[in-house]
Protein backbone atom coordinates (compact mmCIF):
# COMPACT_ATOMS: atom_id res chain seq x y z
CA UNK A 1 0.00 0.00 0.00
CA UNK A 2 2.01 2.93 -1.18
CA UNK A 3 1.47 5.85 1.13
CA UNK A 4 1.63 9.62 0.96
CA UNK A 5 4.20 11.68 2.81
CA UNK A 6 1.78 14.52 3.40
CA UNK A 7 -0.17 14.83 6.64
CA UNK A 8 0.35 11.22 7.70
CA UNK A 9 -2.35 9.86 10.00
CA UNK A 10 -0.81 7.66 12.73
CA UNK A 11 -4.12 5.78 13.01
CA UNK A 12 -3.88 4.69 9.36
CA UNK A 13 -0.16 3.97 9.64
CA UNK A 14 -0.82 1.78 12.68
CA UNK A 15 -3.59 0.02 10.75
CA UNK A 16 -1.37 -0.52 7.70
CA UNK A 17 1.51 -1.90 9.72
CA UNK A 18 -0.75 -4.16 11.78
CA UNK A 19 -2.45 -5.48 8.65
CA UNK A 20 0.76 -6.22 6.75
CA UNK A 21 2.06 -7.98 9.88
CA UNK A 22 -1.09 -10.12 9.86
CA UNK A 23 -0.45 -10.86 6.17
CA UNK A 24 3.00 -12.18 7.08
CA UNK A 25 1.58 -14.21 9.97
CA UNK A 26 -1.16 -15.65 7.77
CA UNK A 27 1.33 -16.73 5.11
CA UNK A 28 3.60 -18.22 7.78
CA UNK A 29 0.68 -20.13 9.33
CA UNK A 30 0.14 -21.81 5.96
CA UNK A 31 3.30 -23.80 6.75
CA UNK A 32 1.60 -25.37 9.80
CA UNK A 33 -0.74 -28.35 9.92
CA UNK A 34 -4.25 -26.97 9.43
CA UNK A 35 -6.02 -28.99 12.09
CA UNK A 36 -7.35 -27.86 15.43
CA UNK A 37 -6.68 -24.44 16.92
CA UNK A 38 -4.25 -23.43 14.17
CA UNK A 39 -6.85 -24.10 11.48
CA UNK A 40 -9.47 -22.19 13.45
CA UNK A 41 -7.16 -19.20 13.98
CA UNK A 42 -6.24 -19.24 10.29
CA UNK A 43 -9.90 -19.15 9.21
CA UNK A 44 -10.65 -16.40 11.74
CA UNK A 45 -7.79 -14.29 10.39
CA UNK A 46 -8.66 -14.78 6.72
CA UNK A 47 -12.32 -13.97 7.31
CA UNK A 48 -11.45 -10.29 7.77
CA UNK A 49 -7.78 -9.32 7.52
CA UNK A 50 -7.53 -9.21 3.70
CA UNK A 51 -10.90 -7.42 3.44
CA UNK A 52 -9.52 -4.87 5.92
CA UNK A 53 -6.25 -4.62 3.97
CA UNK A 54 -8.15 -3.94 0.74
CA UNK A 55 -10.53 -1.49 2.44
CA UNK A 56 -7.66 0.62 3.79
CA UNK A 57 -6.01 0.51 0.36
CA UNK A 58 -9.23 1.80 -1.19
CA UNK A 59 -9.51 4.55 1.42
CA UNK A 60 -5.97 5.70 0.66
CA UNK A 61 -6.68 5.55 -3.09
CA UNK A 62 -9.88 7.61 -3.03
CA UNK A 63 -8.22 10.72 -4.54
CA UNK A 64 -6.67 8.86 -7.47
CA UNK A 65 -7.31 10.40 -10.89
CA UNK A 66 -5.92 10.18 -14.41
CA UNK A 67 -3.49 13.06 -14.08
CA UNK A 68 0.03 12.37 -15.44
CA UNK A 69 1.58 12.52 -11.96
CA UNK A 70 -0.90 9.98 -10.54
CA UNK A 71 -0.52 7.63 -13.49
CA UNK A 72 3.27 7.79 -13.34
CA UNK A 73 3.12 7.13 -9.61
CA UNK A 74 0.97 4.05 -10.30
CA UNK A 75 3.49 2.81 -12.84
CA UNK A 76 6.46 3.58 -10.63
CA UNK A 77 5.18 2.22 -7.32
CA UNK A 78 3.00 -0.69 -8.47
CA UNK A 79 3.59 -1.78 -12.08
CA UNK A 80 7.39 -1.62 -11.99
CA UNK A 81 7.64 -3.50 -8.65
CA UNK A 82 5.25 -6.12 -10.05
CA UNK A 83 7.43 -6.82 -13.08
CA UNK A 84 10.62 -6.77 -11.02
CA UNK A 85 9.38 -8.98 -8.19
CA UNK A 86 7.57 -11.34 -10.57
CA UNK A 87 10.98 -12.03 -12.11
CA UNK A 88 12.71 -12.31 -8.75
CA UNK A 89 10.07 -14.60 -7.27
CA UNK A 90 10.03 -16.79 -10.37
CA UNK A 91 13.83 -17.09 -10.24
CA UNK A 92 13.71 -17.90 -6.52
CA UNK A 93 11.03 -20.57 -6.93
CA UNK A 94 12.69 -22.13 -9.97
CA UNK A 95 16.28 -22.29 -8.77
CA UNK A 96 15.85 -22.64 -5.01
CA UNK A 97 12.54 -24.49 -4.84
CA UNK A 98 12.78 -26.55 -7.99
CA UNK A 99 9.23 -25.58 -8.96
CA UNK A 100 7.83 -25.53 -12.47
CA UNK A 101 6.18 -22.21 -13.28
CA UNK A 102 4.03 -21.14 -16.19
CA UNK A 103 2.44 -17.95 -17.48
CA UNK A 104 4.94 -15.50 -16.08
CA UNK A 105 3.39 -12.03 -15.62
CA UNK A 106 -0.16 -13.05 -16.68
CA UNK A 107 -0.63 -15.43 -13.74
CA UNK A 108 0.83 -13.55 -10.74
CA UNK A 109 3.04 -15.67 -8.55
CA UNK A 110 2.38 -15.68 -4.85
CA UNK A 111 1.88 -13.14 -3.28
CA UNK A 112 2.05 -10.68 -6.18
CA UNK A 113 -1.62 -10.92 -7.18
CA UNK A 114 -2.26 -7.88 -5.00
CA UNK A 115 -0.21 -5.61 -7.24
CA UNK A 116 -2.06 -6.53 -10.42
CA UNK A 117 -5.34 -6.11 -8.56
CA UNK A 118 -4.22 -2.72 -7.23
CA UNK A 119 -3.45 -1.50 -10.75
CA UNK A 120 -6.97 -2.37 -11.91
CA UNK A 121 -8.62 -1.06 -8.74
CA UNK A 122 -6.77 2.25 -8.93
CA UNK A 123 -7.61 2.73 -12.61
CA UNK A 124 -11.28 2.03 -11.80
CA UNK A 125 -11.31 4.43 -8.84
CA UNK A 126 -12.50 7.55 -10.73
CA UNK A 127 -15.30 5.51 -12.29
CA UNK A 128 -16.55 4.19 -8.96
CA UNK A 129 -16.02 7.55 -7.26
CA UNK A 130 -18.22 9.19 -9.88
CA UNK A 131 -21.17 7.03 -8.84
CA UNK A 132 -23.28 7.50 -5.70
CA UNK A 133 -21.89 5.36 -2.91
CA UNK A 134 -24.83 2.94 -2.89
CA UNK A 135 -24.64 2.35 -6.64
CA UNK A 136 -20.87 2.02 -6.62
CA UNK A 137 -20.88 -0.58 -3.85
CA UNK A 138 -23.80 -2.42 -5.47
CA UNK A 139 -21.92 -2.56 -8.79
CA UNK A 140 -18.81 -3.87 -7.01
CA UNK A 141 -20.86 -6.55 -5.26
CA UNK A 142 -22.33 -7.65 -8.60
CA UNK A 143 -18.80 -7.96 -10.02
CA UNK A 144 -17.77 -9.92 -6.95
CA UNK A 145 -20.65 -12.39 -7.26
CA UNK A 146 -20.17 -12.74 -11.02
CA UNK A 147 -16.45 -13.44 -10.71
CA UNK A 148 -17.20 -16.69 -8.92
CA UNK A 149 -18.83 -18.03 -12.10
CA UNK A 150 -15.72 -17.45 -14.25
CA UNK A 151 -13.73 -20.63 -14.82
CA UNK A 152 -10.66 -21.91 -16.59
CA UNK A 153 -7.88 -19.73 -17.90
CA UNK A 154 -10.03 -16.60 -17.69
CA UNK A 155 -10.25 -16.97 -13.91
CA UNK A 156 -6.46 -17.36 -13.61
CA UNK A 157 -5.59 -14.41 -15.86
CA UNK A 158 -4.16 -11.81 -13.47
CA UNK A 159 -6.06 -13.63 -10.69
CA UNK A 160 -9.33 -12.20 -12.01
CA UNK A 161 -11.55 -14.07 -9.58
CA UNK A 162 -9.75 -12.75 -6.51
CA UNK A 163 -9.32 -9.26 -8.00
CA UNK A 164 -13.07 -8.89 -8.53
CA UNK A 165 -13.97 -10.95 -5.49
CA UNK A 166 -12.38 -8.41 -3.16
CA UNK A 167 -13.31 -5.26 -5.09
CA UNK A 168 -16.35 -4.42 -2.88
CA UNK A 169 -14.00 -3.72 0.03
CA UNK A 170 -11.87 -1.44 -2.14
CA UNK A 171 -14.90 0.50 -3.42
CA UNK A 172 -16.26 0.79 0.11
CA UNK A 173 -12.93 2.31 1.12
CA UNK A 174 -13.03 4.73 -1.83
CA UNK A 175 -16.44 6.03 -0.72
CA UNK A 176 -15.51 6.24 2.97
CA UNK A 177 -14.70 9.70 4.27
CA UNK A 178 -12.74 10.71 7.37
CA UNK A 179 -16.02 11.95 8.85
CA UNK A 180 -17.60 8.50 8.44
CA UNK A 181 -14.61 6.86 10.08
CA UNK A 182 -15.11 9.10 13.09
CA UNK A 183 -17.96 6.79 14.09
CA UNK A 184 -15.31 4.21 14.97
CA UNK A 185 -13.87 6.64 17.53
CA UNK A 186 -17.16 7.04 19.33
CA UNK A 187 -17.90 5.87 22.88
CA UNK A 188 -18.48 2.15 23.08
CA UNK A 189 -17.03 1.45 19.62
CA UNK A 190 -14.23 -0.69 21.04
CA UNK A 191 -16.66 -2.73 23.11
CA UNK A 192 -18.74 -3.39 20.03
CA UNK A 193 -15.57 -4.28 18.12
CA UNK A 194 -14.50 -6.74 20.79
CA UNK A 195 -17.93 -8.37 20.76
CA UNK A 196 -17.78 -8.55 16.96
CA UNK A 197 -14.44 -10.34 17.00
CA UNK A 198 -15.73 -12.75 19.63
CA UNK A 199 -18.69 -13.53 17.40
CA UNK A 200 -16.42 -14.03 14.39
CA UNK A 201 -14.20 -16.34 16.43
CA UNK A 202 -17.18 -18.49 17.36
CA UNK A 203 -18.51 -18.44 13.81
CA UNK A 204 -15.22 -19.43 12.18
CA UNK A 205 -15.06 -22.49 14.42
CA UNK A 206 -17.59 -23.92 11.95
CA UNK A 207 -15.98 -22.66 8.75
CA UNK A 208 -15.32 -26.15 7.42
CA UNK A 209 -18.96 -27.12 7.96
CA UNK A 210 -20.49 -23.98 6.45
CA UNK A 211 -18.18 -23.10 3.57
CA UNK A 212 -14.53 -24.17 3.77
CA UNK A 213 -11.28 -22.26 4.03
CA UNK A 214 -10.88 -21.74 0.27
CA UNK A 215 -14.00 -19.58 0.20
CA UNK A 216 -12.13 -17.01 2.28
CA UNK A 217 -9.62 -16.35 -0.53
CA UNK A 218 -12.28 -15.12 -3.00
CA UNK A 219 -10.08 -16.79 -5.63
CA UNK A 220 -11.80 -20.06 -6.56
CA UNK A 221 -14.80 -20.42 -8.89
CA UNK A 222 -17.98 -21.68 -7.26
CA UNK A 223 -17.99 -24.86 -9.32
CA UNK A 224 -14.51 -25.82 -8.12
CA UNK A 225 -15.78 -25.40 -4.55
CA UNK A 226 -18.64 -27.79 -5.20
CA UNK A 227 -21.36 -25.14 -5.15
CA UNK A 228 -23.95 -24.01 -7.63
CA UNK A 229 -23.87 -20.41 -8.83
CA UNK A 230 -26.84 -19.57 -6.61
CA UNK A 231 -25.35 -21.13 -3.48
CA UNK A 232 -21.97 -19.63 -4.27
CA UNK A 233 -23.44 -16.13 -4.62
CA UNK A 234 -25.26 -16.43 -1.30
CA UNK A 235 -22.12 -17.69 0.42
CA UNK A 236 -20.10 -14.80 -1.04
CA UNK A 237 -22.68 -12.30 0.20
CA UNK A 238 -22.42 -13.70 3.72
CA UNK A 239 -18.63 -13.58 3.56
CA UNK A 240 -18.77 -9.97 2.36
CA UNK A 241 -20.85 -9.07 5.41
CA UNK A 242 -18.43 -10.88 7.70
CA UNK A 243 -15.49 -9.13 6.05
CA UNK A 244 -17.04 -5.68 6.51
CA UNK A 245 -17.87 -6.40 10.15
CA UNK A 246 -14.32 -7.59 10.83
CA UNK A 247 -12.82 -4.60 9.02
CA UNK A 248 -14.78 -2.07 11.05
CA UNK A 249 -14.06 -3.93 14.29
CA UNK A 250 -10.35 -3.96 13.51
CA UNK A 251 -10.24 -0.24 12.72
CA UNK A 252 -12.11 0.56 15.92
CA UNK A 253 -9.41 -1.24 17.92
CA UNK A 254 -6.40 0.31 16.17
CA UNK A 255 -4.56 2.79 18.44
CA UNK A 256 -4.45 6.44 17.37
CA UNK A 257 -1.06 7.17 18.95
CA UNK A 258 2.04 8.01 16.95
CA UNK A 259 5.25 6.14 17.67
CA UNK A 260 7.81 3.70 16.32
CA UNK A 261 5.12 1.28 15.13
CA UNK A 262 3.18 3.91 13.19
CA UNK A 263 6.37 5.16 11.58
CA UNK A 264 6.90 1.67 10.19
CA UNK A 265 3.57 2.05 8.38
CA UNK A 266 5.42 3.82 5.58
CA UNK A 267 7.24 0.57 4.73
CA UNK A 268 4.27 -1.76 4.24
CA UNK A 269 5.01 -2.36 0.55
CA UNK A 270 8.57 -3.39 1.43
CA UNK A 271 7.24 -5.88 3.96
CA UNK A 272 4.61 -7.22 1.59
CA UNK A 273 6.94 -7.74 -1.37
CA UNK A 274 9.95 -9.11 0.51
CA UNK A 275 8.49 -11.43 3.13
CA UNK A 276 7.48 -14.04 0.55
CA UNK A 277 11.11 -14.99 -0.09
CA UNK A 278 11.59 -15.84 3.58
CA UNK A 279 8.35 -17.84 3.80
CA UNK A 280 9.15 -19.78 0.62
CA UNK A 281 12.72 -20.28 1.81
CA UNK A 282 11.47 -21.83 5.05
CA UNK A 283 9.19 -24.11 3.07
CA UNK A 284 12.08 -25.27 0.88
CA UNK A 285 14.24 -25.76 3.96
CA UNK A 286 11.79 -28.27 5.46
CA UNK A 287 9.89 -26.07 7.93
CA UNK A 288 6.62 -27.82 7.09
CA UNK A 289 8.06 -31.16 8.21
CA UNK A 290 9.56 -29.59 11.34
CA UNK A 291 6.22 -28.00 12.23
CA UNK A 292 4.40 -31.32 11.80
CA UNK A 293 6.92 -32.98 14.12
CA UNK A 294 6.57 -30.25 16.77
CA UNK A 295 2.83 -29.53 17.02
CA UNK A 296 3.12 -27.72 20.37
CA UNK A 297 6.13 -25.50 19.70
CA UNK A 298 5.50 -24.72 16.02
CA UNK A 299 2.42 -22.43 16.32
CA UNK A 300 3.88 -19.94 18.83
CA UNK A 301 7.29 -20.02 17.13
CA UNK A 302 5.68 -19.36 13.74
CA UNK A 303 3.50 -16.57 15.11
CA UNK A 304 6.40 -14.80 16.81
CA UNK A 305 8.60 -15.40 13.79
CA UNK A 306 6.02 -13.73 11.55
CA UNK A 307 5.85 -10.69 13.82
CA UNK A 308 9.64 -10.41 14.02
CA UNK A 309 9.99 -10.78 10.23
CA UNK A 310 7.45 -8.00 9.57
CA UNK A 311 9.07 -5.65 12.08
CA UNK A 312 12.55 -6.42 10.79
CA UNK A 313 11.64 -5.68 7.17
CA UNK A 314 9.86 -2.46 8.21
CA UNK A 315 12.69 -1.26 10.45
CA UNK A 316 14.26 1.88 8.89
CA UNK A 317 17.81 0.47 8.50
CA UNK A 318 16.39 -2.46 6.50
CA UNK A 319 13.43 -0.86 4.72
CA UNK A 320 15.47 2.11 3.50
CA UNK A 321 17.89 -0.26 1.76
CA UNK A 322 15.16 -2.49 0.34
CA UNK A 323 13.30 0.59 -0.90
CA UNK A 324 15.85 0.82 -3.70
CA UNK A 325 14.62 -2.57 -4.92
CA UNK A 326 10.91 -1.86 -4.31
CA UNK A 327 10.91 1.61 -5.89
CA UNK A 328 14.08 2.01 -8.00
CA UNK A 329 12.72 4.94 -10.02
CA UNK A 330 11.58 6.73 -6.87
CA UNK A 331 15.03 6.52 -5.35
CA UNK A 332 16.56 7.74 -8.61
CA UNK A 333 14.12 10.67 -8.78
CA UNK A 334 14.93 11.59 -5.20
CA UNK A 335 18.66 11.60 -5.88
CA UNK A 336 18.20 13.72 -9.01
CA UNK A 337 16.09 16.26 -7.10
CA UNK A 338 18.69 16.46 -4.35
CA UNK A 339 21.43 16.98 -6.92
CA UNK A 340 19.42 19.76 -8.60
CA UNK A 341 18.79 21.45 -5.25
CA UNK A 342 22.46 21.28 -4.28
CA UNK A 343 23.43 22.75 -7.64
CA UNK A 344 20.93 25.58 -7.16
CA UNK A 345 22.31 26.32 -3.70
CA UNK A 346 25.86 26.36 -5.03
CA UNK A 347 24.86 28.89 -7.68
CA UNK A 348 22.66 30.97 -5.35
CA UNK A 349 23.50 30.51 -1.64
CA UNK A 350 20.64 32.85 -0.75
CA UNK A 351 18.13 30.20 -1.83
CA UNK A 352 19.23 27.80 0.93
CA UNK A 353 16.75 28.99 3.65
CA UNK A 354 13.82 28.68 1.23
CA UNK A 355 14.89 25.17 0.22
CA UNK A 356 15.33 24.12 3.83
CA UNK A 357 11.81 25.33 4.57
CA UNK A 358 10.50 23.42 1.55
CA UNK A 359 12.28 20.22 2.60
CA UNK A 360 10.90 20.55 6.13
CA UNK A 361 7.37 20.60 4.76
CA UNK A 362 7.77 17.34 2.85
């Protein structure tokens, strides 16, 4: 989730960092046996954390338009990293994991589907923003329900099913205003949020009976899940409601304070793009077998390891270096601007105070 440097909101930065940490934990938990408490916790997490991730992304994208600066920023911070990391991940999986991969770029390799989806969502933002909120969300829900009927290669192209399956959360974020989010700061909101999470915890204890874990990915056609189009649409609608409830509950519980954790919220894209190499590396190194042989120790070790990995990648000494890989053009632009400013100061020393003031406002 690329973020702005202007008027940063610590609440949103805390939310972004918490959500990307949960993404890392969720991917790490996939290395564990899926029975019992681990399977329940996994289903609970996936019922709402990706919907919340997409909602916050939509909220931060609500001002996107087709201006040259915005389009170049989309290319620079999303399209270029997608091409670069698609190549890096393919190389890693081929030469370190011995996997056989097909359809490079058109079938995003884990976990890069989010970048292709973000490109489409951002480009569609002005269209959805131009509609009344009710119509925009309704249209997104229709696309979500329809995507579950798409099968074969069409469903796999750029992860179409998941891209459209999660689009209602993005559109809801686009049409959410800061004033509407203020409701989550009201008295009693955290109590309601806690009760909501308790209800979701109890509900997801029966996920396997009611739907199955794969429904929570919004990525598999109804037919492949053994459901008719009608039953699949109804199930998706229920999951959408659960996702919205979990998203709002999560945001109500996110702290508003600024600190070291919120400052890491600027590095969420670094964490998202780079953690996959570690998770895949652990899989290739035999972590799945180790986890199966240590059912008591593996869950807490994996959970803590996921947290540490997210914090390590977001830590400034690490994220600043990885930023060159995640946003190579951005780093180059920054260096060019600094060189231009230094040249201007050398030619006109009197311009230094004005430039210092300008830099301070960035």
